[in-house]
N, C-alpha and C. Protein backbone atom coordinates (compact mmCIF):
# COMPACT_ATOMS: atom_id res chain seq x y z
N UNK A 1 -1.88 10.59 10.00
CA UNK A 1 -1.67 9.16 9.99
C UNK A 1 -1.36 8.71 8.57
N UNK A 2 -0.32 7.95 8.41
CA UNK A 2 0.05 7.47 7.08
C UNK A 2 -0.57 6.12 6.81
N UNK A 3 -0.72 5.82 5.52
CA UNK A 3 -1.35 4.58 5.12
C UNK A 3 -0.61 4.02 3.90
N UNK A 4 -0.42 2.74 3.88
CA UNK A 4 0.19 2.06 2.74
C UNK A 4 -0.90 1.24 2.05
N UNK A 5 -0.89 1.27 0.73
CA UNK A 5 -1.93 0.61 -0.06
C UNK A 5 -1.26 -0.20 -1.16
N UNK A 6 -1.66 -1.46 -1.29
CA UNK A 6 -1.25 -2.28 -2.42
C UNK A 6 -2.30 -2.15 -3.49
N UNK A 7 -1.90 -1.89 -4.72
CA UNK A 7 -2.85 -1.55 -5.78
C UNK A 7 -2.60 -2.40 -7.01
N UNK A 8 -3.60 -3.19 -7.37
CA UNK A 8 -3.56 -4.01 -8.59
C UNK A 8 -4.62 -3.46 -9.53
N UNK A 9 -4.22 -2.60 -10.45
CA UNK A 9 -5.16 -1.93 -11.34
C UNK A 9 -5.11 -2.55 -12.72
N UNK A 10 -6.09 -3.40 -13.01
CA UNK A 10 -6.20 -4.00 -14.34
C UNK A 10 -6.90 -3.01 -15.27
N UNK A 11 -8.02 -2.50 -14.81
CA UNK A 11 -8.77 -1.48 -15.53
C UNK A 11 -9.47 -0.62 -14.48
N UNK A 12 -10.23 0.36 -14.93
CA UNK A 12 -10.93 1.23 -13.97
C UNK A 12 -11.98 0.46 -13.18
N UNK A 13 -12.61 -0.52 -13.82
CA UNK A 13 -13.67 -1.29 -13.15
C UNK A 13 -13.11 -2.45 -12.33
N UNK A 14 -12.01 -3.01 -12.77
CA UNK A 14 -11.47 -4.20 -12.13
C UNK A 14 -10.16 -3.85 -11.42
N UNK A 15 -10.27 -3.37 -10.19
CA UNK A 15 -9.11 -2.98 -9.40
C UNK A 15 -9.20 -3.65 -8.04
N UNK A 16 -8.09 -4.25 -7.59
CA UNK A 16 -8.01 -4.89 -6.29
C UNK A 16 -7.08 -4.07 -5.41
N UNK A 17 -7.53 -3.83 -4.17
CA UNK A 17 -6.78 -2.97 -3.25
C UNK A 17 -6.59 -3.70 -1.93
N UNK A 18 -5.42 -3.51 -1.33
CA UNK A 18 -5.13 -4.03 0.01
C UNK A 18 -4.48 -2.92 0.81
N UNK A 19 -5.01 -2.63 2.00
CA UNK A 19 -4.37 -1.61 2.83
C UNK A 19 -3.90 -2.22 4.14
N UNK A 20 -2.85 -1.63 4.67
CA UNK A 20 -2.25 -2.13 5.89
C UNK A 20 -0.92 -1.45 6.12
N UNK A 21 -0.05 -2.10 6.90
CA UNK A 21 1.28 -1.51 7.10
C UNK A 21 2.17 -1.87 5.90
N UNK A 22 3.37 -1.34 5.89
CA UNK A 22 4.25 -1.48 4.73
C UNK A 22 4.58 -2.94 4.43
N UNK A 23 4.91 -3.71 5.46
CA UNK A 23 5.29 -5.11 5.24
C UNK A 23 4.13 -5.95 4.74
N UNK A 24 2.92 -5.71 5.27
CA UNK A 24 1.74 -6.44 4.80
C UNK A 24 1.46 -6.14 3.33
N UNK A 25 1.56 -4.87 2.96
CA UNK A 25 1.30 -4.49 1.57
C UNK A 25 2.35 -5.07 0.63
N UNK A 26 3.59 -5.08 1.04
CA UNK A 26 4.65 -5.66 0.21
C UNK A 26 4.46 -7.16 0.05
N UNK A 27 4.11 -7.84 1.12
CA UNK A 27 3.88 -9.28 1.07
C UNK A 27 2.69 -9.60 0.16
N UNK A 28 1.60 -8.83 0.31
CA UNK A 28 0.42 -9.02 -0.53
C UNK A 28 0.75 -8.75 -2.00
N UNK A 29 1.51 -7.68 -2.25
CA UNK A 29 1.87 -7.32 -3.62
C UNK A 29 2.71 -8.41 -4.28
N UNK A 30 3.66 -8.99 -3.55
CA UNK A 30 4.48 -10.06 -4.10
C UNK A 30 3.64 -11.30 -4.42
N UNK A 31 2.74 -11.66 -3.52
CA UNK A 31 1.86 -12.82 -3.76
C UNK A 31 0.96 -12.57 -4.96
N UNK A 32 0.41 -11.37 -5.04
CA UNK A 32 -0.49 -11.02 -6.13
C UNK A 32 0.26 -10.97 -7.47
N UNK A 33 1.49 -10.49 -7.46
CA UNK A 33 2.30 -10.44 -8.68
C UNK A 33 2.60 -11.84 -9.19
N UNK A 34 2.86 -12.79 -8.29
CA UNK A 34 3.11 -14.17 -8.71
C UNK A 34 1.83 -14.82 -9.24
N UNK A 35 0.67 -14.46 -8.68
CA UNK A 35 -0.60 -15.04 -9.15
C UNK A 35 -1.00 -14.51 -10.52
N UNK A 36 -0.81 -13.20 -10.75
CA UNK A 36 -1.35 -12.57 -11.94
C UNK A 36 -0.32 -12.30 -13.04
N UNK A 37 0.96 -12.41 -12.73
CA UNK A 37 2.04 -12.13 -13.68
C UNK A 37 2.01 -10.71 -14.22
N UNK A 38 1.65 -9.76 -13.40
CA UNK A 38 1.73 -8.35 -13.79
C UNK A 38 2.23 -7.54 -12.59
N UNK A 39 2.80 -6.36 -12.82
CA UNK A 39 3.35 -5.57 -11.71
C UNK A 39 2.25 -5.00 -10.81
N UNK A 40 2.54 -4.99 -9.51
CA UNK A 40 1.61 -4.48 -8.50
C UNK A 40 2.30 -3.30 -7.81
N UNK A 41 1.57 -2.21 -7.61
CA UNK A 41 2.14 -1.01 -7.01
C UNK A 41 1.88 -0.97 -5.51
N UNK A 42 2.83 -0.44 -4.76
CA UNK A 42 2.66 -0.14 -3.33
C UNK A 42 2.71 1.38 -3.21
N UNK A 43 1.66 1.94 -2.61
CA UNK A 43 1.46 3.39 -2.58
C UNK A 43 1.49 3.88 -1.15
N UNK A 44 2.06 5.08 -0.95
CA UNK A 44 2.14 5.73 0.36
C UNK A 44 1.20 6.94 0.34
N UNK A 45 0.27 7.02 1.31
CA UNK A 45 -0.70 8.12 1.33
C UNK A 45 -0.79 8.73 2.71
N UNK A 46 -0.98 10.02 2.74
CA UNK A 46 -1.25 10.77 3.97
C UNK A 46 -2.49 11.61 3.73
N UNK A 47 -3.36 11.76 4.72
CA UNK A 47 -4.62 12.48 4.49
C UNK A 47 -4.45 13.97 4.18
N UNK A 48 -3.40 14.61 4.69
CA UNK A 48 -3.24 16.03 4.45
C UNK A 48 -2.63 16.34 3.08
N UNK A 49 -2.12 15.33 2.39
CA UNK A 49 -1.56 15.50 1.05
C UNK A 49 -2.60 15.03 0.03
N UNK A 50 -2.75 15.75 -1.06
CA UNK A 50 -3.82 15.47 -2.00
C UNK A 50 -3.51 14.35 -2.99
N UNK A 51 -2.27 13.88 -2.99
CA UNK A 51 -1.90 12.81 -3.92
C UNK A 51 -1.03 11.78 -3.20
N UNK A 52 -1.27 10.52 -3.51
CA UNK A 52 -0.47 9.43 -2.96
C UNK A 52 0.68 9.14 -3.93
N UNK A 53 1.79 8.64 -3.42
CA UNK A 53 2.98 8.41 -4.23
C UNK A 53 3.30 6.93 -4.29
N UNK A 54 3.61 6.44 -5.48
CA UNK A 54 4.03 5.05 -5.66
C UNK A 54 5.46 4.94 -5.13
N UNK A 55 5.68 4.06 -4.15
CA UNK A 55 7.00 3.94 -3.54
C UNK A 55 7.69 2.62 -3.86
N UNK A 56 6.92 1.61 -4.29
CA UNK A 56 7.52 0.31 -4.61
C UNK A 56 6.66 -0.39 -5.66
N UNK A 57 7.28 -1.36 -6.31
CA UNK A 57 6.58 -2.14 -7.31
C UNK A 57 7.01 -3.59 -7.18
N UNK A 58 6.04 -4.48 -7.14
CA UNK A 58 6.32 -5.91 -7.03
C UNK A 58 6.09 -6.59 -8.37
N UNK A 59 7.05 -7.42 -8.76
CA UNK A 59 6.94 -8.21 -9.99
C UNK A 59 7.33 -9.64 -9.66
N UNK A 60 7.39 -10.49 -10.68
CA UNK A 60 7.81 -11.88 -10.46
C UNK A 60 9.25 -11.97 -9.98
N UNK A 61 10.07 -10.99 -10.36
CA UNK A 61 11.47 -11.00 -9.94
C UNK A 61 11.65 -10.58 -8.49
N UNK A 62 10.69 -9.84 -7.93
CA UNK A 62 10.79 -9.39 -6.56
C UNK A 62 10.25 -7.98 -6.38
N UNK A 63 10.63 -7.37 -5.29
CA UNK A 63 10.16 -6.03 -4.94
C UNK A 63 11.26 -5.02 -5.22
N UNK A 64 10.91 -3.91 -5.84
CA UNK A 64 11.90 -2.88 -6.11
C UNK A 64 11.36 -1.52 -5.67
N UNK A 65 12.26 -0.71 -5.17
CA UNK A 65 11.94 0.64 -4.72
C UNK A 65 11.83 1.56 -5.94
N UNK A 66 10.83 2.43 -5.95
CA UNK A 66 10.66 3.39 -7.03
C UNK A 66 11.09 4.75 -6.49
N UNK A 67 12.12 5.33 -7.09
CA UNK A 67 12.68 6.59 -6.59
C UNK A 67 11.77 7.77 -6.87
N UNK A 68 11.32 7.93 -8.09
CA UNK A 68 10.47 9.05 -8.47
C UNK A 68 9.13 8.49 -8.91
N UNK A 69 8.34 8.06 -7.94
CA UNK A 69 7.07 7.41 -8.24
C UNK A 69 6.02 8.38 -8.74
N UNK A 70 5.10 7.86 -9.50
CA UNK A 70 4.01 8.67 -10.01
C UNK A 70 3.05 9.01 -8.87
N UNK A 71 2.31 10.09 -9.04
CA UNK A 71 1.34 10.52 -8.05
C UNK A 71 -0.05 10.08 -8.47
N UNK A 72 -0.81 9.58 -7.52
CA UNK A 72 -2.19 9.15 -7.76
C UNK A 72 -3.08 10.01 -6.88
N UNK A 73 -4.09 10.68 -7.45
CA UNK A 73 -4.97 11.53 -6.64
C UNK A 73 -5.66 10.72 -5.54
N UNK A 74 -5.73 11.29 -4.36
CA UNK A 74 -6.33 10.61 -3.22
C UNK A 74 -7.82 10.35 -3.41
N UNK A 75 -8.48 11.18 -4.19
CA UNK A 75 -9.92 10.97 -4.45
C UNK A 75 -10.14 9.62 -5.15
N UNK A 76 -9.28 9.26 -6.09
CA UNK A 76 -9.41 7.98 -6.77
C UNK A 76 -9.22 6.81 -5.81
N UNK A 77 -8.23 6.92 -4.93
CA UNK A 77 -7.97 5.84 -3.96
C UNK A 77 -9.10 5.70 -2.96
N UNK A 78 -9.69 6.81 -2.52
CA UNK A 78 -10.79 6.74 -1.57
C UNK A 78 -11.98 6.02 -2.17
N UNK A 79 -12.22 6.20 -3.46
CA UNK A 79 -13.34 5.49 -4.10
C UNK A 79 -13.10 3.99 -4.13
N UNK A 80 -11.83 3.58 -4.27
CA UNK A 80 -11.51 2.15 -4.32
C UNK A 80 -11.59 1.49 -2.96
N UNK A 81 -11.31 2.24 -1.90
CA UNK A 81 -11.34 1.67 -0.55
C UNK A 81 -12.76 1.61 -0.08
């Protein structure tokens, strides 16, 4: 089962996460980017893969697709959820 996660990482202690389907995460990321004026990542995760991949980034200008997104270890994301 795949999962999409919106990730607003200010620091290690102050991180806001939203999970849902792709459209919900994109909508949340755009709203959050307008509120905070910083980029918000949309991440794609599967349980059998050990790292989640950043697939999109929301900013004040809009949403953009990330072709070669960075990998985030799934252990870190599980702690945030």
